[in-house]
């Protein structure tokens, strides 16, 4: 067993290590992308369900108010309520939405450290 044989084995092992490191990075990328897509689909479904529930609640409020103050005035009151809620969502968009989404993405991509030792 000479120096040439030892260097040949070392180069083969180094090649295997590089291939396994690349495979590890590919698997981590697939895992993170699948988690990201799963979170996006889940968020979309939940937001649509909340939107539908919100529309039902607004319809109920409109019908209840229509019995007391008339239909046109109740619709106007609900529209004003929607505008106030939209204004609140716009004012608090950064702490509620942007920081939450960025925090989730940072935790998703950088929460697990890659152990390539």
N, C-alpha and C. Protein backbone atom coordinates (compact mmCIF):
# COMPACT_ATOMS: atom_id res chain seq x y z
N UNK A 1 0.85 -1.16 0.00
CA UNK A 1 0.00 0.00 0.00
C UNK A 1 0.90 1.23 0.00
N UNK A 2 0.98 1.87 -1.15
CA UNK A 2 1.86 3.02 -1.28
C UNK A 2 1.11 4.33 -1.14
N UNK A 3 1.84 5.38 -1.39
CA UNK A 3 1.25 6.72 -1.28
C UNK A 3 0.19 6.93 -2.35
N UNK A 4 0.41 6.39 -3.52
CA UNK A 4 -0.56 6.55 -4.62
C UNK A 4 -1.90 5.90 -4.30
N UNK A 5 -1.86 4.74 -3.65
CA UNK A 5 -3.10 4.04 -3.29
C UNK A 5 -3.85 4.82 -2.22
N UNK A 6 -3.11 5.34 -1.22
CA UNK A 6 -3.73 6.12 -0.15
C UNK A 6 -4.36 7.40 -0.69
N UNK A 7 -3.68 8.05 -1.62
CA UNK A 7 -4.24 9.28 -2.22
C UNK A 7 -5.44 8.96 -3.10
N UNK A 8 -5.41 7.82 -3.76
CA UNK A 8 -6.56 7.41 -4.58
C UNK A 8 -7.80 7.18 -3.72
N UNK A 9 -7.61 6.50 -2.59
CA UNK A 9 -8.73 6.27 -1.66
C UNK A 9 -9.23 7.58 -1.08
N UNK A 10 -8.28 8.47 -0.76
CA UNK A 10 -8.66 9.76 -0.19
C UNK A 10 -9.46 10.59 -1.19
N UNK A 11 -9.06 10.56 -2.46
CA UNK A 11 -9.80 11.32 -3.46
C UNK A 11 -11.18 10.72 -3.69
N UNK A 12 -11.30 9.38 -3.64
CA UNK A 12 -12.62 8.74 -3.77
C UNK A 12 -13.52 9.13 -2.61
N UNK A 13 -12.97 9.12 -1.39
CA UNK A 13 -13.76 9.49 -0.21
C UNK A 13 -14.15 10.96 -0.25
N UNK A 14 -13.25 11.81 -0.74
CA UNK A 14 -13.58 13.23 -0.87
C UNK A 14 -14.69 13.42 -1.89
N UNK A 15 -14.62 12.67 -2.98
CA UNK A 15 -15.68 12.73 -4.00
C UNK A 15 -17.02 12.28 -3.44
N UNK A 16 -17.01 11.20 -2.66
CA UNK A 16 -18.24 10.72 -2.02
C UNK A 16 -18.79 11.75 -1.05
N UNK A 17 -17.91 12.38 -0.29
CA UNK A 17 -18.34 13.41 0.66
C UNK A 17 -19.01 14.57 -0.06
N UNK A 18 -18.42 15.00 -1.17
CA UNK A 18 -19.00 16.11 -1.93
C UNK A 18 -20.36 15.71 -2.49
N UNK A 19 -20.47 14.50 -3.04
CA UNK A 19 -21.75 14.03 -3.57
C UNK A 19 -22.81 13.97 -2.48
N UNK A 20 -22.44 13.47 -1.31
CA UNK A 20 -23.41 13.37 -0.21
C UNK A 20 -23.80 14.75 0.33
N UNK A 21 -22.85 15.68 0.34
CA UNK A 21 -23.17 17.04 0.77
C UNK A 21 -24.14 17.70 -0.20
N UNK A 22 -23.93 17.48 -1.49
CA UNK A 22 -24.85 18.03 -2.50
C UNK A 22 -26.23 17.40 -2.35
N UNK A 23 -26.29 16.09 -2.17
CA UNK A 23 -27.57 15.42 -1.96
C UNK A 23 -28.27 15.93 -0.71
N UNK A 24 -27.50 16.17 0.35
CA UNK A 24 -28.07 16.69 1.60
C UNK A 24 -28.67 18.07 1.37
N UNK A 25 -27.97 18.92 0.65
CA UNK A 25 -28.49 20.27 0.37
C UNK A 25 -29.74 20.21 -0.50
N UNK A 26 -29.75 19.29 -1.48
CA UNK A 26 -30.95 19.13 -2.31
C UNK A 26 -32.14 18.68 -1.48
N UNK A 27 -31.93 17.72 -0.60
CA UNK A 27 -33.02 17.24 0.25
C UNK A 27 -33.53 18.32 1.19
N UNK A 28 -32.63 19.13 1.73
CA UNK A 28 -33.06 20.23 2.59
C UNK A 28 -33.85 21.27 1.81
N UNK A 29 -33.44 21.54 0.57
CA UNK A 29 -34.16 22.50 -0.26
C UNK A 29 -35.56 21.99 -0.57
N UNK A 30 -35.68 20.71 -0.89
CA UNK A 30 -36.99 20.12 -1.18
C UNK A 30 -37.87 20.16 0.07
N UNK A 31 -37.30 19.86 1.22
CA UNK A 31 -38.06 19.89 2.47
C UNK A 31 -38.57 21.30 2.77
N UNK A 32 -37.70 22.29 2.62
CA UNK A 32 -38.10 23.66 2.90
C UNK A 32 -39.14 24.16 1.90
N UNK A 33 -38.98 23.81 0.63
CA UNK A 33 -39.97 24.22 -0.37
C UNK A 33 -41.31 23.54 -0.13
N UNK A 34 -41.31 22.28 0.25
CA UNK A 34 -42.58 21.61 0.53
C UNK A 34 -43.27 22.22 1.75
N UNK A 35 -42.48 22.58 2.75
CA UNK A 35 -43.08 23.23 3.92
C UNK A 35 -43.63 24.61 3.55
N UNK A 36 -42.91 25.34 2.70
CA UNK A 36 -43.36 26.66 2.27
C UNK A 36 -44.65 26.56 1.48
N UNK A 37 -44.70 25.64 0.54
CA UNK A 37 -45.91 25.47 -0.27
C UNK A 37 -47.07 25.00 0.60
N UNK A 38 -46.81 24.09 1.53
CA UNK A 38 -47.86 23.64 2.44
C UNK A 38 -48.39 24.77 3.30
N UNK A 39 -47.50 25.62 3.81
CA UNK A 39 -47.94 26.77 4.59
C UNK A 39 -48.75 27.75 3.75
N UNK A 40 -48.33 27.94 2.50
CA UNK A 40 -49.06 28.85 1.62
C UNK A 40 -50.47 28.33 1.32
N UNK A 41 -50.59 27.05 1.02
CA UNK A 41 -51.90 26.46 0.73
C UNK A 41 -52.79 26.51 1.97
N UNK A 42 -52.23 26.16 3.10
CA UNK A 42 -53.00 26.19 4.35
C UNK A 42 -53.45 27.62 4.68
N UNK A 43 -52.54 28.58 4.52
CA UNK A 43 -52.91 29.97 4.76
C UNK A 43 -53.99 30.46 3.82
N UNK A 44 -53.92 30.05 2.56
CA UNK A 44 -54.95 30.45 1.59
C UNK A 44 -56.31 29.86 1.96
N UNK A 45 -56.33 28.58 2.32
CA UNK A 45 -57.60 27.93 2.68
C UNK A 45 -58.19 28.58 3.93
N UNK A 46 -57.36 28.81 4.94
CA UNK A 46 -57.85 29.43 6.17
C UNK A 46 -58.35 30.84 5.91
N UNK A 47 -57.63 31.61 5.11
CA UNK A 47 -58.07 32.98 4.83
C UNK A 47 -59.38 32.99 4.04
N UNK A 48 -59.56 32.06 3.12
CA UNK A 48 -60.82 31.99 2.38
C UNK A 48 -61.98 31.60 3.30
N UNK A 49 -61.75 30.66 4.20
CA UNK A 49 -62.80 30.27 5.14
C UNK A 49 -63.15 31.43 6.08
N UNK A 50 -62.12 32.15 6.53
CA UNK A 50 -62.40 33.32 7.38
C UNK A 50 -63.14 34.41 6.60
N UNK A 51 -62.80 34.59 5.34
CA UNK A 51 -63.48 35.57 4.51
C UNK A 51 -64.95 35.21 4.32
N UNK A 52 -65.24 33.94 4.07
CA UNK A 52 -66.62 33.50 3.92
C UNK A 52 -67.38 33.67 5.23
N UNK A 53 -66.76 33.31 6.34
CA UNK A 53 -67.42 33.49 7.64
C UNK A 53 -67.68 34.97 7.90
N UNK A 54 -66.72 35.82 7.54
CA UNK A 54 -66.88 37.26 7.72
C UNK A 54 -68.04 37.78 6.88
N UNK A 55 -68.19 37.29 5.66
CA UNK A 55 -69.31 37.71 4.82
C UNK A 55 -70.65 37.27 5.41
N UNK A 56 -70.70 36.07 5.95
CA UNK A 56 -71.94 35.61 6.60
C UNK A 56 -72.27 36.48 7.81
N UNK A 57 -71.28 36.82 8.60
CA UNK A 57 -71.51 37.66 9.77
C UNK A 57 -72.01 39.03 9.35
N UNK A 58 -71.40 39.60 8.30
CA UNK A 58 -71.87 40.90 7.82
C UNK A 58 -73.29 40.83 7.27
N UNK A 59 -73.64 39.73 6.62
CA UNK A 59 -75.01 39.56 6.14
C UNK A 59 -75.98 39.49 7.31
N UNK A 60 -75.58 38.78 8.35
CA UNK A 60 -76.43 38.68 9.54
C UNK A 60 -76.61 40.04 10.20
N UNK A 61 -75.53 40.80 10.32
CA UNK A 61 -75.61 42.13 10.92
C UNK A 61 -76.52 43.02 10.09
N UNK A 62 -76.40 42.92 8.78
CA UNK A 62 -77.25 43.73 7.89
C UNK A 62 -78.72 43.37 8.07
N UNK A 63 -79.02 42.08 8.15
CA UNK A 63 -80.43 41.68 8.31
C UNK A 63 -80.99 42.10 9.67
N UNK A 64 -80.17 41.99 10.72
CA UNK A 64 -80.63 42.38 12.05
C UNK A 64 -80.86 43.88 12.11
N UNK A 65 -79.90 44.64 11.58
CA UNK A 65 -80.06 46.09 11.58
C UNK A 65 -81.20 46.55 10.68
N UNK A 66 -81.46 45.81 9.61
CA UNK A 66 -82.55 46.18 8.69
C UNK A 66 -83.90 46.11 9.38
N UNK A 67 -84.04 45.22 10.32
CA UNK A 67 -85.31 45.11 11.05
C UNK A 67 -85.56 46.33 11.93
N UNK A 68 -84.49 46.99 12.36
CA UNK A 68 -84.65 48.12 13.28
C UNK A 68 -84.53 49.48 12.59
N UNK A 69 -83.59 49.63 11.65
CA UNK A 69 -83.36 50.97 11.09
C UNK A 69 -83.59 51.04 9.58
N UNK A 70 -84.02 49.99 8.97
CA UNK A 70 -84.27 50.00 7.53
C UNK A 70 -83.08 49.40 6.77
N UNK A 71 -83.40 48.88 5.59
CA UNK A 71 -82.40 48.15 4.84
C UNK A 71 -81.29 49.06 4.32
N UNK A 72 -81.65 50.18 3.73
CA UNK A 72 -80.63 51.06 3.14
C UNK A 72 -79.68 51.61 4.20
N UNK A 73 -80.22 52.00 5.34
CA UNK A 73 -79.37 52.52 6.41
C UNK A 73 -78.50 51.41 7.02
N UNK A 74 -79.02 50.20 7.09
CA UNK A 74 -78.21 49.09 7.62
C UNK A 74 -77.07 48.73 6.67
N UNK A 75 -77.33 48.76 5.39
CA UNK A 75 -76.26 48.51 4.41
C UNK A 75 -75.21 49.60 4.50
N UNK A 76 -75.63 50.83 4.67
CA UNK A 76 -74.68 51.94 4.82
C UNK A 76 -73.84 51.76 6.08
N UNK A 77 -74.46 51.33 7.16
CA UNK A 77 -73.72 51.11 8.41
C UNK A 77 -72.70 49.99 8.25
N UNK A 78 -73.04 48.94 7.55
CA UNK A 78 -72.12 47.82 7.33
C UNK A 78 -70.97 48.25 6.42
N UNK A 79 -71.26 49.06 5.41
CA UNK A 79 -70.20 49.56 4.52
C UNK A 79 -69.23 50.44 5.31
N UNK A 80 -69.76 51.29 6.19
CA UNK A 80 -68.89 52.12 7.03
C UNK A 80 -68.05 51.23 7.95
N UNK A 81 -68.65 50.18 8.49
CA UNK A 81 -67.91 49.24 9.33
C UNK A 81 -66.78 48.57 8.53
N UNK A 82 -67.07 48.18 7.30
CA UNK A 82 -66.05 47.58 6.45
C UNK A 82 -64.92 48.55 6.16
N UNK A 83 -65.26 49.80 5.90
CA UNK A 83 -64.24 50.80 5.64
C UNK A 83 -63.36 51.04 6.87
N UNK A 84 -63.97 51.06 8.05
CA UNK A 84 -63.18 51.21 9.28
C UNK A 84 -62.25 50.02 9.51
N UNK A 85 -62.76 48.82 9.24
CA UNK A 85 -61.91 47.64 9.38
C UNK A 85 -60.77 47.64 8.35
N UNK A 86 -61.05 48.09 7.14
CA UNK A 86 -60.01 48.19 6.12
C UNK A 86 -58.96 49.21 6.52
N UNK A 87 -59.40 50.32 7.11
CA UNK A 87 -58.46 51.34 7.57
C UNK A 87 -57.59 50.80 8.71
N UNK A 88 -58.19 50.07 9.63
CA UNK A 88 -57.41 49.45 10.72
C UNK A 88 -56.40 48.43 10.18
N UNK A 89 -56.82 47.64 9.22
CA UNK A 89 -55.91 46.66 8.61
C UNK A 89 -54.77 47.36 7.90
N UNK A 90 -55.05 48.49 7.26
CA UNK A 90 -53.99 49.23 6.57
C UNK A 90 -53.01 49.85 7.57
N UNK A 91 -53.53 50.39 8.65
CA UNK A 91 -52.67 51.03 9.65
C UNK A 91 -51.77 50.00 10.32
N UNK A 92 -52.31 48.84 10.64
CA UNK A 92 -51.55 47.82 11.36
C UNK A 92 -51.02 46.73 10.44
N UNK A 93 -50.83 47.02 9.16
CA UNK A 93 -50.40 45.99 8.20
C UNK A 93 -48.99 45.50 8.48
N UNK A 94 -48.08 46.39 8.87
CA UNK A 94 -46.69 45.96 9.08
C UNK A 94 -46.57 45.06 10.30
N UNK A 95 -47.07 45.45 11.48
CA UNK A 95 -46.91 44.53 12.61
C UNK A 95 -47.73 43.25 12.50
N UNK A 96 -48.88 43.32 11.85
CA UNK A 96 -49.73 42.13 11.78
C UNK A 96 -49.33 41.18 10.67
N UNK A 97 -49.12 41.71 9.48
CA UNK A 97 -48.94 40.84 8.32
C UNK A 97 -47.48 40.69 7.91
N UNK A 98 -46.80 41.81 7.68
CA UNK A 98 -45.44 41.74 7.15
C UNK A 98 -44.49 41.09 8.16
N UNK A 99 -44.52 41.53 9.40
CA UNK A 99 -43.63 40.94 10.40
C UNK A 99 -43.94 39.46 10.64
N UNK A 100 -45.21 39.11 10.61
CA UNK A 100 -45.58 37.71 10.79
C UNK A 100 -45.10 36.83 9.66
N UNK A 101 -45.27 37.30 8.43
CA UNK A 101 -44.84 36.51 7.27
C UNK A 101 -43.32 36.41 7.23
N UNK A 102 -42.64 37.52 7.45
CA UNK A 102 -41.17 37.50 7.44
C UNK A 102 -40.64 36.62 8.56
N UNK A 103 -41.22 36.71 9.73
CA UNK A 103 -40.80 35.87 10.84
C UNK A 103 -41.00 34.39 10.56
N UNK A 104 -42.11 34.05 9.92
CA UNK A 104 -42.38 32.65 9.57
C UNK A 104 -41.38 32.15 8.53
N UNK A 105 -41.08 32.97 7.52
CA UNK A 105 -40.12 32.55 6.50
C UNK A 105 -38.72 32.42 7.07
N UNK A 106 -38.33 33.33 7.96
CA UNK A 106 -37.01 33.23 8.58
C UNK A 106 -36.92 31.97 9.43
N UNK A 107 -37.96 31.67 10.19
CA UNK A 107 -37.96 30.46 11.00
C UNK A 107 -37.94 29.21 10.12
N UNK A 108 -38.60 29.29 8.97
CA UNK A 108 -38.65 28.14 8.08
C UNK A 108 -37.30 27.87 7.44
N UNK A 109 -36.65 28.92 6.94
CA UNK A 109 -35.41 28.72 6.20
C UNK A 109 -34.17 28.71 7.07
N UNK A 110 -34.17 29.44 8.18
CA UNK A 110 -32.97 29.54 8.99
C UNK A 110 -33.11 28.95 10.38
N UNK A 111 -34.25 28.36 10.68
CA UNK A 111 -34.46 27.80 12.01
C UNK A 111 -33.62 26.57 12.27
N UNK A 112 -33.44 25.76 11.28
CA UNK A 112 -32.64 24.55 11.40
C UNK A 112 -31.28 24.81 10.78
N UNK A 113 -30.26 24.68 11.56
CA UNK A 113 -28.90 24.89 11.05
C UNK A 113 -28.42 23.63 10.36
N UNK A 114 -27.75 23.80 9.25
CA UNK A 114 -27.21 22.67 8.49
C UNK A 114 -25.94 22.18 9.16
N UNK A 115 -25.90 20.91 9.54
CA UNK A 115 -24.72 20.34 10.19
C UNK A 115 -23.87 19.63 9.16
N UNK A 116 -23.00 20.37 8.51
CA UNK A 116 -22.12 19.79 7.49
C UNK A 116 -20.71 19.62 8.04
N UNK A 117 -20.59 19.02 9.18
CA UNK A 117 -19.27 18.83 9.79
C UNK A 117 -18.72 17.47 9.45
